[in-house]
């Protein structure tokens, strides 16, 4: 149905769609000091606005608002229909503590009381 509309109207509809996706998404990608809004995200990739984003490759940080949620390794990025499609090799959730290198006993005491 869109093929019957003039090109200016199709371009306006596409711009409005991108603007709406940016407004709804709280996700943002940070590469060094540069920050780019995320349009869509799926299991092994995400899409960014191709007009605002250079070709990306390497380690990036993904934020949801102010929360650092993933550290991602982008291995490929291609431009399709005004979006930059980035594919991940890995996306590691960010934790606020170091990983344990031992098994924690379920019945171990939570804390110790001092002797006085």
N, C-alpha and C. Protein backbone atom coordinates (compact mmCIF):
# COMPACT_ATOMS: atom_id res chain seq x y z
N UNK A 1 0.81 -1.19 0.00
CA UNK A 1 0.00 0.00 0.00
C UNK A 1 0.86 1.26 0.00
N UNK A 2 2.02 1.21 0.63
CA UNK A 2 2.88 2.38 0.70
C UNK A 2 3.49 2.74 -0.66
N UNK A 3 3.56 1.78 -1.57
CA UNK A 3 4.17 2.06 -2.86
C UNK A 3 3.34 3.03 -3.70
N UNK A 4 2.06 3.24 -3.35
CA UNK A 4 1.20 4.17 -4.08
C UNK A 4 1.34 5.61 -3.57
N UNK A 5 1.98 5.78 -2.42
CA UNK A 5 2.15 7.11 -1.84
C UNK A 5 3.37 7.80 -2.45
N UNK A 6 3.37 9.12 -2.49
CA UNK A 6 4.55 9.85 -2.98
C UNK A 6 5.76 9.60 -2.07
N UNK A 7 6.94 9.74 -2.62
CA UNK A 7 8.18 9.46 -1.89
C UNK A 7 8.33 10.33 -0.65
N UNK A 8 7.90 11.60 -0.71
CA UNK A 8 8.02 12.49 0.45
C UNK A 8 7.20 11.99 1.63
N UNK A 9 6.02 11.47 1.34
CA UNK A 9 5.16 10.96 2.41
C UNK A 9 5.76 9.68 3.00
N UNK A 10 6.30 8.81 2.16
CA UNK A 10 6.93 7.58 2.66
C UNK A 10 8.13 7.92 3.54
N UNK A 11 8.92 8.91 3.11
CA UNK A 11 10.07 9.33 3.92
C UNK A 11 9.62 9.92 5.26
N UNK A 12 8.54 10.70 5.24
CA UNK A 12 8.01 11.27 6.48
C UNK A 12 7.50 10.19 7.42
N UNK A 13 6.83 9.18 6.88
CA UNK A 13 6.34 8.07 7.72
C UNK A 13 7.50 7.29 8.33
N UNK A 14 8.55 7.08 7.56
CA UNK A 14 9.72 6.37 8.07
C UNK A 14 10.42 7.17 9.17
N UNK A 15 10.53 8.49 8.99
CA UNK A 15 11.14 9.35 10.00
C UNK A 15 10.31 9.35 11.28
N UNK A 16 8.99 9.39 11.15
CA UNK A 16 8.12 9.36 12.33
C UNK A 16 8.24 8.03 13.06
N UNK A 17 8.39 6.95 12.32
CA UNK A 17 8.54 5.62 12.93
C UNK A 17 9.84 5.55 13.73
N UNK A 18 10.95 6.06 13.17
CA UNK A 18 12.22 6.07 13.88
C UNK A 18 12.16 6.94 15.13
N UNK A 19 11.52 8.10 15.01
CA UNK A 19 11.41 9.02 16.14
C UNK A 19 10.61 8.36 17.26
N UNK A 20 9.55 7.63 16.91
CA UNK A 20 8.74 6.95 17.91
C UNK A 20 9.53 5.83 18.58
N UNK A 21 10.32 5.08 17.81
CA UNK A 21 11.13 4.01 18.39
C UNK A 21 12.17 4.57 19.35
N UNK A 22 12.80 5.69 19.01
CA UNK A 22 13.78 6.30 19.90
C UNK A 22 13.14 6.78 21.19
N UNK A 23 11.94 7.33 21.08
CA UNK A 23 11.26 7.87 22.25
C UNK A 23 10.85 6.75 23.20
N UNK A 24 10.43 5.60 22.66
CA UNK A 24 9.97 4.50 23.49
C UNK A 24 11.12 3.75 24.15
N UNK A 25 12.26 3.71 23.51
CA UNK A 25 13.37 2.91 24.00
C UNK A 25 14.21 3.68 25.00
N UNK A 26 14.51 3.04 26.13
CA UNK A 26 15.40 3.62 27.11
C UNK A 26 16.82 3.10 26.91
N UNK A 27 16.96 2.12 26.02
CA UNK A 27 18.26 1.50 25.80
C UNK A 27 19.18 2.44 25.03
N UNK A 28 20.45 2.43 25.42
CA UNK A 28 21.44 3.23 24.71
C UNK A 28 22.75 2.47 24.70
N UNK A 29 23.50 2.68 23.64
CA UNK A 29 24.78 2.01 23.45
C UNK A 29 25.88 3.04 23.63
N UNK A 30 26.88 2.70 24.43
CA UNK A 30 27.98 3.63 24.68
C UNK A 30 29.28 3.02 24.16
N UNK A 31 29.96 3.80 23.31
CA UNK A 31 31.26 3.42 22.76
C UNK A 31 32.23 4.54 23.14
N UNK A 32 33.06 4.31 24.13
CA UNK A 32 33.93 5.38 24.63
C UNK A 32 33.07 6.48 25.23
N UNK A 33 33.18 7.70 24.68
CA UNK A 33 32.36 8.83 25.15
C UNK A 33 31.10 9.02 24.31
N UNK A 34 31.00 8.33 23.17
CA UNK A 34 29.85 8.48 22.27
C UNK A 34 28.69 7.61 22.74
N UNK A 35 27.48 8.16 22.66
CA UNK A 35 26.26 7.46 23.09
C UNK A 35 25.27 7.46 21.92
N UNK A 36 24.68 6.28 21.64
CA UNK A 36 23.74 6.13 20.54
C UNK A 36 22.46 5.46 21.05
N UNK A 37 21.28 5.99 20.70
CA UNK A 37 20.02 5.36 21.13
C UNK A 37 19.77 4.06 20.36
N UNK A 38 19.27 3.05 21.05
CA UNK A 38 18.96 1.75 20.45
C UNK A 38 17.51 1.76 19.99
N UNK A 39 17.28 1.37 18.74
CA UNK A 39 15.91 1.30 18.22
C UNK A 39 15.24 0.00 18.62
N UNK A 40 15.92 -1.13 18.37
CA UNK A 40 15.38 -2.45 18.70
C UNK A 40 16.51 -3.33 19.21
N UNK A 41 16.15 -4.34 20.01
CA UNK A 41 17.13 -5.30 20.49
C UNK A 41 16.52 -6.69 20.47
N UNK A 42 17.31 -7.70 20.11
CA UNK A 42 16.89 -9.09 20.15
C UNK A 42 18.02 -9.90 20.75
N UNK A 43 17.91 -11.21 20.79
CA UNK A 43 18.85 -12.07 21.50
C UNK A 43 20.31 -11.89 21.16
N UNK A 44 20.66 -11.81 19.88
CA UNK A 44 22.06 -11.73 19.50
C UNK A 44 22.37 -10.49 18.66
N UNK A 45 21.64 -9.41 18.88
CA UNK A 45 21.92 -8.19 18.14
C UNK A 45 20.99 -7.05 18.51
N UNK A 46 21.21 -5.92 17.82
CA UNK A 46 20.37 -4.75 18.03
C UNK A 46 20.45 -3.87 16.79
N UNK A 47 19.56 -2.87 16.73
CA UNK A 47 19.58 -1.94 15.61
C UNK A 47 19.67 -0.51 16.14
N UNK A 48 20.41 0.31 15.38
CA UNK A 48 20.62 1.71 15.70
C UNK A 48 20.24 2.53 14.47
N UNK A 49 20.10 3.83 14.64
CA UNK A 49 19.82 4.72 13.52
C UNK A 49 21.09 4.86 12.69
N UNK A 50 21.03 4.47 11.41
CA UNK A 50 22.22 4.49 10.55
C UNK A 50 22.70 5.91 10.26
N UNK A 51 21.80 6.89 10.30
CA UNK A 51 22.19 8.27 10.02
C UNK A 51 23.03 8.86 11.16
N UNK A 52 22.85 8.37 12.37
CA UNK A 52 23.54 8.93 13.53
C UNK A 52 24.76 8.10 13.97
N UNK A 53 24.86 6.85 13.49
CA UNK A 53 25.82 5.91 14.02
C UNK A 53 26.84 5.50 12.96
N UNK A 54 28.13 5.53 13.28
CA UNK A 54 29.12 5.01 12.34
C UNK A 54 29.12 3.48 12.38
N UNK A 55 29.84 2.86 11.46
CA UNK A 55 29.98 1.40 11.50
C UNK A 55 30.66 1.02 12.81
N UNK A 56 30.08 0.08 13.53
CA UNK A 56 30.61 -0.31 14.84
C UNK A 56 31.21 -1.70 14.79
N UNK A 57 32.25 -1.89 15.59
CA UNK A 57 32.87 -3.20 15.75
C UNK A 57 33.69 -3.14 17.03
N UNK A 58 33.58 -4.17 17.85
CA UNK A 58 34.37 -4.22 19.07
C UNK A 58 33.50 -4.24 20.32
N UNK A 59 34.12 -3.93 21.44
CA UNK A 59 33.47 -4.00 22.74
C UNK A 59 32.70 -2.71 23.03
N UNK A 60 31.42 -2.85 23.36
CA UNK A 60 30.55 -1.71 23.67
C UNK A 60 29.79 -2.00 24.96
N UNK A 61 29.24 -0.95 25.56
CA UNK A 61 28.44 -1.08 26.77
C UNK A 61 27.00 -0.73 26.45
N UNK A 62 26.06 -1.52 26.98
CA UNK A 62 24.64 -1.31 26.75
C UNK A 62 23.99 -0.92 28.08
N UNK A 63 23.25 0.20 28.06
CA UNK A 63 22.61 0.74 29.25
C UNK A 63 21.10 0.78 29.07
N UNK A 64 20.39 0.55 30.17
CA UNK A 64 18.94 0.76 30.24
C UNK A 64 18.75 1.92 31.19
N UNK A 65 18.57 3.11 30.64
CA UNK A 65 18.54 4.31 31.47
C UNK A 65 19.93 4.53 32.04
N UNK A 66 20.05 4.51 33.37
CA UNK A 66 21.35 4.68 34.01
C UNK A 66 21.98 3.34 34.40
N UNK A 67 21.25 2.24 34.22
CA UNK A 67 21.73 0.92 34.63
C UNK A 67 22.57 0.28 33.53
N UNK A 68 23.80 -0.08 33.86
CA UNK A 68 24.68 -0.79 32.93
C UNK A 68 24.24 -2.25 32.95
N UNK A 69 23.69 -2.74 31.82
CA UNK A 69 23.12 -4.10 31.84
C UNK A 69 23.95 -5.13 31.09
N UNK A 70 24.61 -4.75 29.98
CA UNK A 70 25.38 -5.70 29.20
C UNK A 70 26.67 -5.08 28.71
N UNK A 71 27.68 -5.93 28.55
CA UNK A 71 28.88 -5.57 27.82
C UNK A 71 28.88 -6.49 26.61
N UNK A 72 28.87 -5.92 25.40
CA UNK A 72 28.67 -6.68 24.18
C UNK A 72 29.87 -6.57 23.26
N UNK A 73 30.14 -7.65 22.53
CA UNK A 73 31.18 -7.65 21.53
C UNK A 73 30.51 -7.70 20.16
N UNK A 74 30.57 -6.59 19.43
CA UNK A 74 29.95 -6.51 18.11
C UNK A 74 30.96 -7.01 17.08
N UNK A 75 30.53 -8.01 16.29
CA UNK A 75 31.42 -8.58 15.27
C UNK A 75 31.05 -8.14 13.87
N UNK A 76 29.82 -7.70 13.65
CA UNK A 76 29.40 -7.28 12.32
C UNK A 76 28.32 -6.22 12.44
N UNK A 77 28.34 -5.25 11.52
CA UNK A 77 27.27 -4.26 11.46
C UNK A 77 27.03 -3.92 9.99
N UNK A 78 25.75 -3.94 9.61
CA UNK A 78 25.36 -3.64 8.24
C UNK A 78 24.20 -2.66 8.25
N UNK A 79 24.14 -1.81 7.24
CA UNK A 79 23.07 -0.83 7.12
C UNK A 79 21.95 -1.41 6.24
N UNK A 80 20.73 -1.39 6.77
CA UNK A 80 19.55 -1.87 6.05
C UNK A 80 18.37 -0.95 6.36
N UNK A 81 17.76 -0.37 5.35
CA UNK A 81 16.56 0.46 5.49
C UNK A 81 16.72 1.56 6.53
N UNK A 82 17.86 2.22 6.56
CA UNK A 82 18.07 3.33 7.49
C UNK A 82 18.45 2.90 8.89
N UNK A 83 18.60 1.60 9.13
CA UNK A 83 19.01 1.09 10.43
C UNK A 83 20.37 0.43 10.31
N UNK A 84 21.18 0.55 11.34
CA UNK A 84 22.45 -0.14 11.42
C UNK A 84 22.21 -1.38 12.26
N UNK A 85 22.29 -2.55 11.63
CA UNK A 85 22.04 -3.83 12.30
C UNK A 85 23.38 -4.34 12.83
N UNK A 86 23.49 -4.51 14.15
CA UNK A 86 24.72 -4.98 14.79
C UNK A 86 24.50 -6.38 15.34
N UNK A 87 25.42 -7.30 15.04
CA UNK A 87 25.35 -8.67 15.54
C UNK A 87 26.40 -8.86 16.63
N UNK A 88 26.00 -9.55 17.72
CA UNK A 88 26.89 -9.80 18.85
C UNK A 88 27.56 -11.16 18.71
N UNK A 89 28.81 -11.22 19.14
CA UNK A 89 29.45 -12.51 19.34
C UNK A 89 29.14 -12.98 20.76
N UNK A 90 29.12 -12.01 21.66
CA UNK A 90 28.73 -12.31 23.05
C UNK A 90 28.11 -11.07 23.67
N UNK A 91 27.25 -11.29 24.63
CA UNK A 91 26.71 -10.20 25.45
C UNK A 91 26.70 -10.71 26.89
N UNK A 92 27.54 -10.10 27.70
CA UNK A 92 27.74 -10.54 29.07
C UNK A 92 26.99 -9.63 30.03
N UNK A 93 26.09 -10.20 30.85
CA UNK A 93 25.41 -9.36 31.85
C UNK A 93 26.43 -8.78 32.84
N UNK A 94 26.20 -7.55 33.24
CA UNK A 94 27.09 -6.88 34.18
C UNK A 94 26.59 -7.16 35.59
N UNK A 95 27.52 -7.58 36.45
CA UNK A 95 27.18 -7.86 37.85
C UNK A 95 27.84 -6.81 38.75
N UNK A 96 27.25 -6.59 39.91
CA UNK A 96 27.81 -5.60 40.83
C UNK A 96 28.80 -6.22 41.81
N UNK A 97 29.09 -7.52 41.65
CA UNK A 97 30.06 -8.19 42.51
C UNK A 97 30.87 -9.18 41.66
N UNK A 98 32.01 -9.59 42.17
CA UNK A 98 32.87 -10.53 41.45
C UNK A 98 32.27 -11.93 41.48
N UNK A 99 32.56 -12.70 40.46
CA UNK A 99 32.09 -14.07 40.40
C UNK A 99 32.80 -14.92 41.46
N UNK A 100 32.08 -15.87 42.04
CA UNK A 100 32.68 -16.75 43.05
C UNK A 100 33.47 -17.85 42.37
N UNK A 101 34.60 -18.22 42.96
CA UNK A 101 35.38 -19.33 42.41
C UNK A 101 35.30 -20.55 43.32
N UNK A 102 34.24 -20.60 44.14
CA UNK A 102 34.00 -21.74 45.02
C UNK A 102 32.50 -21.91 45.17
N UNK A 103 32.10 -23.08 45.68
CA UNK A 103 30.69 -23.36 45.90
C UNK A 103 30.32 -22.87 47.28
N UNK A 104 29.29 -22.05 47.35
CA UNK A 104 28.83 -21.53 48.63
C UNK A 104 27.82 -22.51 49.23
N UNK A 105 28.05 -22.89 50.49
CA UNK A 105 27.16 -23.82 51.17
C UNK A 105 25.83 -23.13 51.47
N UNK A 106 24.72 -23.81 51.16
CA UNK A 106 23.39 -23.23 51.41
C UNK A 106 23.10 -23.05 52.89
N UNK A 107 23.72 -23.87 53.75
CA UNK A 107 23.44 -23.82 55.19
C UNK A 107 24.54 -23.10 55.97
N UNK A 108 25.39 -22.39 55.30
CA UNK A 108 26.47 -21.65 55.98
C UNK A 108 25.86 -20.43 56.69
N UNK A 109 26.48 -20.01 57.79
CA UNK A 109 25.95 -18.83 58.49
C UNK A 109 26.10 -17.57 57.63
N UNK A 110 25.15 -16.69 57.76
CA UNK A 110 25.15 -15.45 57.00
C UNK A 110 26.18 -14.48 57.57
N UNK A 111 26.33 -14.48 58.86
CA UNK A 111 27.29 -13.60 59.53
C UNK A 111 27.66 -14.17 60.87
N UNK A 112 28.71 -13.62 61.46
CA UNK A 112 29.15 -14.07 62.77
C UNK A 112 28.96 -12.96 63.79
N UNK A 113 28.58 -13.33 64.99
CA UNK A 113 28.44 -12.37 66.08
C UNK A 113 29.78 -12.24 66.80
N UNK A 114 30.19 -11.03 67.11
CA UNK A 114 31.48 -10.86 67.82
C UNK A 114 31.36 -11.29 69.27
N UNK A 115 32.50 -11.72 69.82
CA UNK A 115 32.54 -12.10 71.24
C UNK A 115 32.90 -10.88 72.06
N UNK A 116 32.20 -10.66 73.15
CA UNK A 116 32.49 -9.53 74.05
C UNK A 116 32.72 -10.01 75.42
